[in-house]
Amino acid sequence: MSRFCVIFTAVAFLAFPDVFLFPTERRRRVSRVPRAVSENDAVPRPELPNSTELMCRQAAESVMRAYRDGYTRQAVRLRLDAAYSGQEDLKALLKATLPLAKSFATKLWNGEALRDLKTSLVDDDVTTLLYREADNALMDAAVLYLPSREVVTSPKFTNFFQSMGDRLVVVTNTENAAAGWRVENMGADFYDGSDLGLEVCKVFQQQSYYYQLVPINNWQVTFFRAYPHPWELWIEDLEFNLVKLGESERKPSYDQIMAWMEAYEERAGVQAFQKVGKLLRDNQEKLDPNEAGLAVGT
């Protein structure tokens, strides 16, 4: 009998993705600023990835480093905007980005001993299980992509997580799920009043890889973390150069981010209207070329 649990409903296999450049990489004119050296730099510290292929490889390598350090349950966030930039349609998000999750899953264990990658939709929304079946059962791994709160706290998956024993299990892009949640919120996103959400967050609290671009305080802000290195926070300055605001052992809080931003803006003499103007240009570049032309009256 296959080690893969057959209770899930299969979905069609999608082709692996082309290599996409992230939108900001298409316009950046200046190379990244040097990083400070940390005590973990015996493991080479990766640069911010400029393609989805490199991102998936970095994520797999970070997860395997953490696994070898004893973390069998982990969380990962992949940056998805190169493959899908929409906001509303979760089914379209899954279709466009599932190849990235598959690319990540196949790169675990450096791609060694891979027999099959089984992909199944496990709820009525977009929660998808990717099961890496290996020649050696100890190298099996499960990647739960876009997992909703209801799925990860269900008896079915509680039992599944336990049945995996010391084999690797990764929850990926929990924030983008139909019922999204964040492991660092320690159950606050789970509204049923039980302790199940807290327990799930404790189990998967090791965030081994995190790459996300989000606007904060009128800046394009990049969160980046690759185990075992610290969390890094970057902004794209007024000239489209990457500037690192700071790094920390834990994911920086909102108050820490605002303090770093205020210090940078004072040091660089940045005015509020300059930030707003840049953010408007950033949003303009996300438009279809024809829409962008209309927007500027050409």
C-alpha atoms as a PDB file:
ATOM      1  CA  MET A   1       0.000   0.000   0.000  1.00  0.00           C
ATOM      2  CA  SER A   2       1.314   3.443  -0.902  1.00  0.00           C
ATOM      3  CA  ARG A   3       2.630   5.579   1.938  1.00  0.00           C
ATOM      4  CA  PHE A   4       0.584   8.455   0.545  1.00  0.00           C
ATOM      5  CA  CYS A   5      -2.831   8.671   2.215  1.00  0.00           C
ATOM      6  CA  VAL A   6      -5.462   7.982  -0.464  1.00  0.00           C
ATOM      7  CA  ILE A   7      -8.322   9.743   1.306  1.00  0.00           C
ATOM      8  CA  PHE A   8      -7.675  12.965  -0.596  1.00  0.00           C
ATOM      9  CA  THR A   9      -9.224  13.951  -3.931  1.00  0.00           C
ATOM     10  CA  ALA A  10      -6.695  14.186  -6.732  1.00  0.00           C
ATOM     11  CA  VAL A  11      -6.323  17.205  -8.967  1.00  0.00           C
ATOM     12  CA  ALA A  12      -4.659  17.430 -12.341  1.00  0.00           C
ATOM     13  CA  PHE A  13      -0.873  17.679 -12.456  1.00  0.00           C
ATOM     14  CA  LEU A  14       0.334  21.065 -13.674  1.00  0.00           C
ATOM     15  CA  ALA A  15       3.563  21.555 -15.600  1.00  0.00           C
ATOM     16  CA  PHE A  16       6.499  22.948 -13.697  1.00  0.00           C
ATOM     17  CA  PRO A  17       6.880  26.698 -14.046  1.00  0.00           C
ATOM     18  CA  ASP A  18       8.995  28.753 -16.332  1.00  0.00           C
ATOM     19  CA  VAL A  19      11.543  30.883 -14.517  1.00  0.00           C
ATOM     20  CA  PHE A  20       9.842  34.184 -13.683  1.00  0.00           C
ATOM     21  CA  LEU A  21      11.647  37.365 -12.704  1.00  0.00           C
ATOM     22  CA  PHE A  22      10.056  39.210  -9.837  1.00  0.00           C
ATOM     23  CA  PRO A  23       8.488  42.521 -10.945  1.00  0.00           C
ATOM     24  CA  THR A  24      10.948  44.692  -9.014  1.00  0.00           C
ATOM     25  CA  GLU A  25      13.914  42.883 -10.561  1.00  0.00           C
ATOM     26  CA  ARG A  26      12.890  44.008 -14.036  1.00  0.00           C
ATOM     27  CA  ARG A  27      13.520  47.659 -13.216  1.00  0.00           C
ATOM     28  CA  ARG A  28      16.165  47.723 -10.483  1.00  0.00           C
ATOM     29  CA  ARG A  29      19.191  49.672 -11.615  1.00  0.00           C
ATOM     30  CA  VAL A  30      21.635  49.297  -8.755  1.00  0.00           C
ATOM     31  CA  SER A  31      22.941  46.149  -7.114  1.00  0.00           C
ATOM     32  CA  ARG A  32      22.038  45.351  -3.524  1.00  0.00           C
ATOM     33  CA  VAL A  33      23.952  46.920  -0.679  1.00  0.00           C
ATOM     34  CA  PRO A  34      26.408  44.689   1.228  1.00  0.00           C
ATOM     35  CA  ARG A  35      25.130  42.755   4.213  1.00  0.00           C
ATOM     36  CA  ALA A  36      26.640  42.666   7.664  1.00  0.00           C
ATOM     37  CA  VAL A  37      28.306  39.418   8.645  1.00  0.00           C
ATOM     38  CA  SER A  38      26.460  37.304  11.232  1.00  0.00           C
ATOM     39  CA  GLU A  39      27.577  34.405  13.383  1.00  0.00           C
ATOM     40  CA  ASN A  40      25.573  32.099  11.104  1.00  0.00           C
ATOM     41  CA  ASP A  41      27.530  33.095   8.006  1.00  0.00           C
ATOM     42  CA  ALA A  42      29.499  29.849   8.126  1.00  0.00           C
ATOM     43  CA  VAL A  43      26.455  28.921   6.035  1.00  0.00           C
ATOM     44  CA  PRO A  44      26.597  31.326   3.065  1.00  0.00           C
ATOM     45  CA  ARG A  45      23.897  33.946   3.436  1.00  0.00           C
ATOM     46  CA  PRO A  46      21.711  34.025   0.320  1.00  0.00           C
ATOM     47  CA  GLU A  47      20.932  37.206  -1.549  1.00  0.00           C
ATOM     48  CA  LEU A  48      17.342  38.210  -2.205  1.00  0.00           C
ATOM     49  CA  PRO A  49      16.308  35.925  -5.082  1.00  0.00           C
ATOM     50  CA  ASN A  50      15.692  37.519  -8.462  1.00  0.00           C
ATOM     51  CA  SER A  51      13.640  34.634  -9.897  1.00  0.00           C
ATOM     52  CA  THR A  52      11.084  32.087  -8.784  1.00  0.00           C
ATOM     53  CA  GLU A  53      13.486  29.243  -9.563  1.00  0.00           C
ATOM     54  CA  LEU A  54      16.128  30.639  -7.219  1.00  0.00           C
ATOM     55  CA  MET A  55      13.509  31.370  -4.559  1.00  0.00           C
ATOM     56  CA  CYS A  56      12.249  27.769  -4.577  1.00  0.00           C
ATOM     57  CA  ARG A  57      15.797  26.447  -4.392  1.00  0.00           C
ATOM     58  CA  GLN A  58      16.666  28.755  -1.482  1.00  0.00           C
ATOM     59  CA  ALA A  59      13.488  27.745   0.320  1.00  0.00           C
ATOM     60  CA  ALA A  60      14.201  24.026  -0.059  1.00  0.00           C
ATOM     61  CA  GLU A  61      17.807  24.444   1.097  1.00  0.00           C
ATOM     62  CA  SER A  62      16.729  26.493   4.129  1.00  0.00           C
ATOM     63  CA  VAL A  63      14.106  23.925   5.096  1.00  0.00           C
ATOM     64  CA  MET A  64      16.577  21.067   4.827  1.00  0.00           C
ATOM     65  CA  ARG A  65      19.131  22.929   6.980  1.00  0.00           C
ATOM     66  CA  ALA A  66      16.463  23.396   9.630  1.00  0.00           C
ATOM     67  CA  TYR A  67      15.357  19.767   9.309  1.00  0.00           C
ATOM     68  CA  ARG A  68      18.892  18.566   9.929  1.00  0.00           C
ATOM     69  CA  ASP A  69      18.897  20.754  13.039  1.00  0.00           C
ATOM     70  CA  GLY A  70      15.862  18.874  14.326  1.00  0.00           C
ATOM     71  CA  TYR A  71      12.904  20.910  13.027  1.00  0.00           C
ATOM     72  CA  THR A  72      10.541  18.361  11.482  1.00  0.00           C
ATOM     73  CA  ARG A  73       7.589  20.782  11.301  1.00  0.00           C
ATOM     74  CA  GLN A  74       8.153  24.085   9.540  1.00  0.00           C
ATOM     75  CA  ALA A  75       6.456  27.025   7.852  1.00  0.00           C
ATOM     76  CA  VAL A  76       7.467  28.708   4.588  1.00  0.00           C
ATOM     77  CA  ARG A  77       6.199  31.721   2.690  1.00  0.00           C
ATOM     78  CA  LEU A  78       6.981  31.979  -1.008  1.00  0.00           C
ATOM     79  CA  ARG A  79       6.569  35.231  -2.884  1.00  0.00           C
ATOM     80  CA  LEU A  80       3.810  34.620  -5.449  1.00  0.00           C
ATOM     81  CA  ASP A  81       3.407  37.903  -7.315  1.00  0.00           C
ATOM     82  CA  ALA A  82       5.647  36.904 -10.233  1.00  0.00           C
ATOM     83  CA  ALA A  83       3.183  34.136 -11.091  1.00  0.00           C
ATOM     84  CA  TYR A  84      -0.070  35.765  -9.992  1.00  0.00           C
ATOM     85  CA  SER A  85      -0.692  39.423  -9.158  1.00  0.00           C
ATOM     86  CA  GLY A  86      -4.454  39.306  -8.652  1.00  0.00           C
ATOM     87  CA  GLN A  87      -6.252  39.712  -5.346  1.00  0.00           C
ATOM     88  CA  GLU A  88      -9.690  38.143  -5.543  1.00  0.00           C
ATOM     89  CA  ASP A  89      -9.741  34.735  -7.255  1.00  0.00           C
ATOM     90  CA  LEU A  90      -8.244  32.024  -5.041  1.00  0.00           C
ATOM     91  CA  LYS A  91      -8.791  29.323  -7.649  1.00  0.00           C
ATOM     92  CA  ALA A  92      -6.795  31.390 -10.151  1.00  0.00           C
ATOM     93  CA  LEU A  93      -4.115  31.909  -7.506  1.00  0.00           C
ATOM     94  CA  LEU A  94      -3.835  28.169  -6.965  1.00  0.00           C
ATOM     95  CA  LYS A  95      -3.690  27.400 -10.677  1.00  0.00           C
ATOM     96  CA  ALA A  96      -1.003  30.013 -11.347  1.00  0.00           C
ATOM     97  CA  THR A  97       1.189  29.320  -8.325  1.00  0.00           C
ATOM     98  CA  LEU A  98       0.885  25.591  -7.666  1.00  0.00           C
ATOM     99  CA  PRO A  99       3.858  24.970  -9.997  1.00  0.00           C
ATOM    100  CA  LEU A 100       5.983  27.037  -7.588  1.00  0.00           C
ATOM    101  CA  ALA A 101       4.923  24.855  -4.671  1.00  0.00           C
ATOM    102  CA  LYS A 102       5.740  21.770  -6.742  1.00  0.00           C
ATOM    103  CA  SER A 103       9.129  23.167  -7.664  1.00  0.00           C
ATOM    104  CA  PHE A 104       9.854  23.747  -3.979  1.00  0.00           C
ATOM    105  CA  ALA A 105       8.647  20.275  -2.973  1.00  0.00           C
ATOM    106  CA  THR A 106      10.746  18.460  -5.569  1.00  0.00           C
ATOM    107  CA  LYS A 107      13.871  20.323  -4.447  1.00  0.00           C
ATOM    108  CA  LEU A 108      13.621  19.032  -0.872  1.00  0.00           C
ATOM    109  CA  TRP A 109      16.398  16.589   0.017  1.00  0.00           C
ATOM    110  CA  ASN A 110      18.260  18.220  -2.890  1.00  0.00           C
ATOM    111  CA  GLY A 111      15.941  16.338  -5.216  1.00  0.00           C
ATOM    112  CA  GLU A 112      17.492  13.015  -4.220  1.00  0.00           C
ATOM    113  CA  ALA A 113      15.644   9.670  -4.132  1.00  0.00           C
ATOM    114  CA  LEU A 114      12.441  11.259  -5.459  1.00  0.00           C
ATOM    115  CA  ARG A 115      10.031   8.588  -6.671  1.00  0.00           C
ATOM    116  CA  ASP A 116       6.856  10.605  -7.154  1.00  0.00           C
ATOM    117  CA  LEU A 117       5.149  13.851  -6.205  1.00  0.00           C
ATOM    118  CA  LYS A 118       1.453  13.313  -5.502  1.00  0.00           C
ATOM    119  CA  THR A 119      -0.758  16.395  -5.539  1.00  0.00           C
ATOM    120  CA  SER A 120      -4.266  16.508  -4.083  1.00  0.00           C
ATOM    121  CA  LEU A 121      -6.872  19.129  -3.283  1.00  0.00           C
ATOM    122  CA  VAL A 122      -8.087  18.428   0.236  1.00  0.00           C
ATOM    123  CA  ASP A 123     -10.985  20.838   0.768  1.00  0.00           C
ATOM    124  CA  ASP A 124     -13.581  22.792  -1.191  1.00  0.00           C
ATOM    125  CA  ASP A 125     -11.299  25.828  -1.400  1.00  0.00           C
ATOM    126  CA  VAL A 126      -7.603  25.729  -2.332  1.00  0.00           C
ATOM    127  CA  THR A 127      -5.795  23.762   0.389  1.00  0.00           C
ATOM    128  CA  THR A 128      -3.489  21.413  -1.499  1.00  0.00           C
ATOM    129  CA  LEU A 129      -1.318  18.566  -0.257  1.00  0.00           C
ATOM    130  CA  LEU A 130       1.905  17.790  -2.116  1.00  0.00           C
ATOM    131  CA  TYR A 131       3.371  14.510  -0.947  1.00  0.00           C
ATOM    132  CA  ARG A 132       6.973  13.774  -1.868  1.00  0.00           C
ATOM    133  CA  GLU A 133       7.308  10.001  -2.032  1.00  0.00           C
ATOM    134  CA  ALA A 134      10.929   8.855  -1.927  1.00  0.00           C
ATOM    135  CA  ASP A 135      12.727   5.568  -2.500  1.00  0.00           C
ATOM    136  CA  ASN A 136      13.579   5.688   1.200  1.00  0.00           C
ATOM    137  CA  ALA A 137      10.474   6.261   3.335  1.00  0.00           C
ATOM    138  CA  LEU A 138      12.496   8.368   5.774  1.00  0.00           C
ATOM    139  CA  MET A 139      12.941  10.926   2.962  1.00  0.00           C
ATOM    140  CA  ASP A 140       9.217  11.296   2.367  1.00  0.00           C
ATOM    141  CA  ALA A 141       7.899  14.816   2.950  1.00  0.00           C
ATOM    142  CA  ALA A 142       4.536  16.578   2.965  1.00  0.00           C
ATOM    143  CA  VAL A 143       3.958  20.155   1.835  1.00  0.00           C
ATOM    144  CA  LEU A 144       0.556  21.619   2.678  1.00  0.00           C
ATOM    145  CA  TYR A 145       0.039  24.572   0.352  1.00  0.00           C
ATOM    146  CA  LEU A 146      -2.469  27.372   1.114  1.00  0.00           C
ATOM    147  CA  PRO A 147      -3.758  25.468   4.152  1.00  0.00           C
ATOM    148  CA  SER A 148      -6.887  26.910   5.738  1.00  0.00           C
ATOM    149  CA  ARG A 149      -7.518  27.105   9.461  1.00  0.00           C
ATOM    150  CA  GLU A 150     -10.271  24.495   9.261  1.00  0.00           C
ATOM    151  CA  VAL A 151      -8.020  21.971   7.521  1.00  0.00           C
ATOM    152  CA  VAL A 152      -5.023  22.177   9.857  1.00  0.00           C
ATOM    153  CA  THR A 153      -7.210  21.828  12.956  1.00  0.00           C
ATOM    154  CA  SER A 154      -9.362  19.001  11.592  1.00  0.00           C
ATOM    155  CA  PRO A 155      -9.049  15.527  13.149  1.00  0.00           C
ATOM    156  CA  LYS A 156      -8.026  14.161   9.751  1.00  0.00           C
ATOM    157  CA  PHE A 157      -4.955  16.366   9.550  1.00  0.00           C
ATOM    158  CA  THR A 158      -4.144  16.237  13.233  1.00  0.00           C
ATOM    159  CA  ASN A 159      -3.827  12.489  12.763  1.00  0.00           C
ATOM    160  CA  PHE A 160      -1.928  12.953   9.515  1.00  0.00           C
ATOM    161  CA  PHE A 161       0.663  15.212  11.136  1.00  0.00           C
ATOM    162  CA  GLN A 162       1.157  12.673  13.907  1.00  0.00           C
ATOM    163  CA  SER A 163       1.433   9.787  11.441  1.00  0.00           C
ATOM    164  CA  MET A 164       4.336  11.522   9.690  1.00  0.00           C
ATOM    165  CA  GLY A 165       6.505  10.984  12.756  1.00  0.00           C
ATOM    166  CA  ASP A 166       9.996  12.395  12.153  1.00  0.00           C
ATOM    167  CA  ARG A 167       9.399  12.940   8.459  1.00  0.00           C
ATOM    168  CA  LEU A 168       9.282  16.514   7.209  1.00  0.00           C
ATOM    169  CA  VAL A 169       5.992  18.441   7.083  1.00  0.00           C
ATOM    170  CA  VAL A 170       5.847  22.045   5.801  1.00  0.00           C
ATOM    171  CA  VAL A 171       2.903  24.434   5.759  1.00  0.00           C
ATOM    172  CA  THR A 172       3.343  26.920   2.946  1.00  0.00           C
ATOM    173  CA  ASN A 173       1.737  30.332   2.405  1.00  0.00           C
ATOM    174  CA  THR A 174      -0.755  30.027   5.231  1.00  0.00           C
ATOM    175  CA  GLU A 175      -1.391  33.777   4.898  1.00  0.00           C
ATOM    176  CA  ASN A 176      -2.776  33.320   1.362  1.00  0.00           C
ATOM    177  CA  ALA A 177      -5.245  30.552   2.268  1.00  0.00           C
ATOM    178  CA  ALA A 178      -9.020  30.962   1.995  1.00  0.00           C
ATOM    179  CA  ALA A 179      -9.075  31.096   5.807  1.00  0.00           C
ATOM    180  CA  GLY A 180      -5.619  32.548   6.301  1.00  0.00           C
ATOM    181  CA  TRP A 181      -3.504  32.485   9.447  1.00  0.00           C
ATOM    182  CA  ARG A 182      -0.016  33.374  10.631  1.00  0.00           C
ATOM    183  CA  VAL A 183       2.051  31.104  12.819  1.00  0.00           C
ATOM    184  CA  GLU A 184       3.528  34.065  14.735  1.00  0.00           C
ATOM    185  CA  ASN A 185       0.027  35.068  15.874  1.00  0.00           C
ATOM    186  CA  MET A 186      -0.050  31.939  18.042  1.00  0.00           C
ATOM    187  CA  GLY A 187      -3.676  31.021  17.416  1.00  0.00           C
ATOM    188  CA  ALA A 188      -5.177  34.529  17.427  1.00  0.00           C
ATOM    189  CA  ASP A 189      -6.407  34.005  13.838  1.00  0.00           C
ATOM    190  CA  PHE A 190      -8.469  30.958  14.882  1.00  0.00           C
ATOM    191  CA  TYR A 191     -11.909  32.075  15.977  1.00  0.00           C
ATOM    192  CA  ASP A 192     -13.435  28.900  17.428  1.00  0.00           C
ATOM    193  CA  GLY A 193     -12.193  29.644  20.917  1.00  0.00           C
ATOM    194  CA  SER A 194     -10.386  26.323  21.226  1.00  0.00           C
ATOM    195  CA  ASP A 195      -6.716  25.701  21.808  1.00  0.00           C
ATOM    196  CA  LEU A 196      -6.301  23.800  18.524  1.00  0.00           C
ATOM    197  CA  GLY A 197      -5.102  26.861  16.622  1.00  0.00           C
ATOM    198  CA  LEU A 198      -2.531  27.655  19.277  1.00  0.00           C
ATOM    199  CA  GLU A 199      -1.251  24.073  19.201  1.00  0.00           C
ATOM    200  CA  VAL A 200      -0.925  24.107  15.395  1.00  0.00           C
ATOM    201  CA  CYS A 201       0.987  27.397  15.512  1.00  0.00           C
ATOM    202  CA  LYS A 202       3.327  26.019  18.160  1.00  0.00           C
ATOM    203  CA  VAL A 203       3.977  22.913  16.076  1.00  0.00           C
ATOM    204  CA  PHE A 204       4.792  24.934  12.926  1.00  0.00           C
ATOM    205  CA  GLN A 205       6.367  28.002  14.540  1.00  0.00           C
ATOM    206  CA  GLN A 206       9.740  27.406  12.853  1.00  0.00           C
ATOM    207  CA  GLN A 207       9.587  29.788   9.868  1.00  0.00           C
ATOM    208  CA  SER A 208      12.585  28.601   7.884  1.00  0.00           C
ATOM    209  CA  TYR A 209      12.061  30.630   4.708  1.00  0.00           C
ATOM    210  CA  TYR A 210      10.065  33.789   4.192  1.00  0.00           C
ATOM    211  CA  TYR A 211      10.038  36.083   1.173  1.00  0.00           C
ATOM    212  CA  GLN A 212       7.315  38.670   0.812  1.00  0.00           C
ATOM    213  CA  LEU A 213       6.842  42.136  -0.718  1.00  0.00           C
ATOM    214  CA  VAL A 214       4.193  44.350   0.867  1.00  0.00           C
ATOM    215  CA  PRO A 215       3.498  48.108   1.041  1.00  0.00           C
ATOM    216  CA  ILE A 216       3.953  49.581   4.509  1.00  0.00           C
ATOM    217  CA  ASN A 217       3.893  53.289   5.339  1.00  0.00           C
ATOM    218  CA  ASN A 218       4.106  54.139   1.603  1.00  0.00           C
ATOM    219  CA  TRP A 219       7.237  52.022   1.072  1.00  0.00           C
ATOM    220  CA  GLN A 220       7.608  48.778  -0.840  1.00  0.00           C
ATOM    221  CA  VAL A 221       8.865  46.553   1.970  1.00  0.00           C
ATOM    222  CA  THR A 222      10.530  43.169   1.564  1.00  0.00           C
ATOM    223  CA  PHE A 223      10.638  40.630   4.378  1.00  0.00           C
ATOM    224  CA  PHE A 224      13.326  37.987   3.892  1.00  0.00           C
ATOM    225  CA  ARG A 225      14.471  35.120   6.049  1.00  0.00           C
ATOM    226  CA  ALA A 226      16.502  32.038   5.112  1.00  0.00           C
ATOM    227  CA  TYR A 227      17.404  29.687   7.972  1.00  0.00           C
ATOM    228  CA  PRO A 228      19.664  29.892   9.929  1.00  0.00           C
ATOM    229  CA  HIS A 229      20.159  33.576   9.218  1.00  0.00           C
ATOM    230  CA  PRO A 230      18.262  36.474  10.835  1.00  0.00           C
ATOM    231  CA  TRP A 231      15.141  38.111   9.455  1.00  0.00           C
ATOM    232  CA  GLU A 232      15.920  41.023   7.155  1.00  0.00           C
ATOM    233  CA  LEU A 233      13.778  44.013   6.270  1.00  0.00           C
ATOM    234  CA  TRP A 234      14.437  45.899   3.032  1.00  0.00           C
ATOM    235  CA  ILE A 235      12.828  48.844   1.297  1.00  0.00           C
ATOM    236  CA  GLU A 236      13.127  50.076  -2.243  1.00  0.00           C
ATOM    237  CA  ASP A 237      14.286  53.690  -2.013  1.00  0.00           C
ATOM    238  CA  LEU A 238      13.251  56.619  -4.196  1.00  0.00           C
ATOM    239  CA  GLU A 239      15.791  55.594  -6.850  1.00  0.00           C
ATOM    240  CA  PHE A 240      14.687  51.917  -6.873  1.00  0.00           C
ATOM    241  CA  ASN A 241      17.742  50.759  -4.928  1.00  0.00           C
ATOM    242  CA  LEU A 242      17.361  48.159  -2.205  1.00  0.00           C
ATOM    243  CA  VAL A 243      18.217  49.446   1.256  1.00  0.00           C
ATOM    244  CA  LYS A 244      18.279  47.156   4.277  1.00  0.00           C
ATOM    245  CA  LEU A 245      16.605  48.821   7.246  1.00  0.00           C
ATOM    246  CA  GLY A 246      17.558  46.198   9.782  1.00  0.00           C
ATOM    247  CA  GLU A 247      17.647  42.565  10.808  1.00  0.00           C
ATOM    248  CA  SER A 248      16.500  40.619  13.850  1.00  0.00           C
ATOM    249  CA  GLU A 249      16.368  37.083  15.188  1.00  0.00           C
ATOM    250  CA  ARG A 250      12.548  37.167  15.165  1.00  0.00           C
ATOM    251  CA  LYS A 251      10.166  38.496  12.547  1.00  0.00           C
ATOM    252  CA  PRO A 252      10.197  42.269  13.118  1.00  0.00           C
ATOM    253  CA  SER A 253       7.086  43.712  14.719  1.00  0.00           C
ATOM    254  CA  TYR A 254       5.154  46.664  13.324  1.00  0.00           C
ATOM    255  CA  ASP A 255       6.620  48.963  15.970  1.00  0.00           C
ATOM    256  CA  GLN A 256      10.146  47.826  15.102  1.00  0.00           C
ATOM    257  CA  ILE A 257       9.495  48.368  11.395  1.00  0.00           C
ATOM    258  CA  MET A 258       8.173  51.889  11.984  1.00  0.00           C
ATOM    259  CA  ALA A 259      11.175  52.743  14.167  1.00  0.00           C
ATOM    260  CA  TRP A 260      13.583  51.548  11.455  1.00  0.00           C
ATOM    261  CA  MET A 261      11.659  53.522   8.821  1.00  0.00           C
ATOM    262  CA  GLU A 262      11.615  56.720  10.827  1.00  0.00           C
ATOM    263  CA  ALA A 263      15.345  56.483  11.455  1.00  0.00           C
ATOM    264  CA  TYR A 264      16.018  55.889   7.737  1.00  0.00           C
ATOM    265  CA  GLU A 265      13.737  58.704   6.558  1.00  0.00           C
ATOM    266  CA  GLU A 266      15.373  61.168   8.952  1.00  0.00           C
ATOM    267  CA  ARG A 267      18.852  60.040   7.910  1.00  0.00           C
ATOM    268  CA  ALA A 268      18.047  60.192   4.182  1.00  0.00           C
ATOM    269  CA  GLY A 269      15.936  63.366   4.351  1.00  0.00           C
ATOM    270  CA  VAL A 270      12.895  61.692   2.778  1.00  0.00           C
ATOM    271  CA  GLN A 271       9.706  63.758   2.641  1.00  0.00           C
ATOM    272  CA  ALA A 272       6.206  62.263   2.811  1.00  0.00           C
ATOM    273  CA  PHE A 273       5.213  63.521  -0.651  1.00  0.00           C
ATOM    274  CA  GLN A 274       8.249  61.765  -2.169  1.00  0.00           C
ATOM    275  CA  LYS A 275       7.169  58.411  -0.726  1.00  0.00           C
ATOM    276  CA  VAL A 276       3.610  58.855  -1.984  1.00  0.00           C
ATOM    277  CA  GLY A 277       4.854  59.798  -5.444  1.00  0.00           C
ATOM    278  CA  LYS A 278       7.004  56.698  -5.656  1.00  0.00           C
ATOM    279  CA  LEU A 279       4.181  54.455  -4.462  1.00  0.00           C
ATOM    280  CA  LEU A 280       1.942  55.874  -7.190  1.00  0.00           C
ATOM    281  CA  ARG A 281       4.629  55.076  -9.770  1.00  0.00           C
ATOM    282  CA  ASP A 282       4.932  51.565  -8.363  1.00  0.00           C
ATOM    283  CA  ASN A 283       1.194  51.029  -8.717  1.00  0.00           C
ATOM    284  CA  GLN A 284       1.274  52.476 -12.233  1.00  0.00           C
ATOM    285  CA  GLU A 285       3.840  49.892 -13.315  1.00  0.00           C
ATOM    286  CA  LYS A 286       1.525  47.085 -12.188  1.00  0.00           C
ATOM    287  CA  LEU A 287      -1.067  48.127 -14.773  1.00  0.00           C
ATOM    288  CA  ASP A 288      -1.438  46.571 -18.187  1.00  0.00           C
ATOM    289  CA  PRO A 289       0.659  48.656 -20.648  1.00  0.00           C
ATOM    290  CA  ASN A 290      -2.507  49.907 -22.383  1.00  0.00           C
ATOM    291  CA  GLU A 291      -4.090  50.819 -19.055  1.00  0.00           C
ATOM    292  CA  ALA A 292      -0.901  52.562 -17.996  1.00  0.00           C
ATOM    293  CA  GLY A 293      -0.974  54.646 -21.157  1.00  0.00           C
ATOM    294  CA  LEU A 294      -4.531  55.723 -20.488  1.00  0.00           C
ATOM    295  CA  ALA A 295      -3.692  56.539 -16.894  1.00  0.00           C
ATOM    296  CA  VAL A 296      -1.053  59.078 -17.916  1.00  0.00           C
ATOM    297  CA  GLY A 297      -3.098  60.445 -20.780  1.00  0.00           C
ATOM    298  CA  THR A 298      -0.975  59.144 -23.679  1.00  0.00           C
END
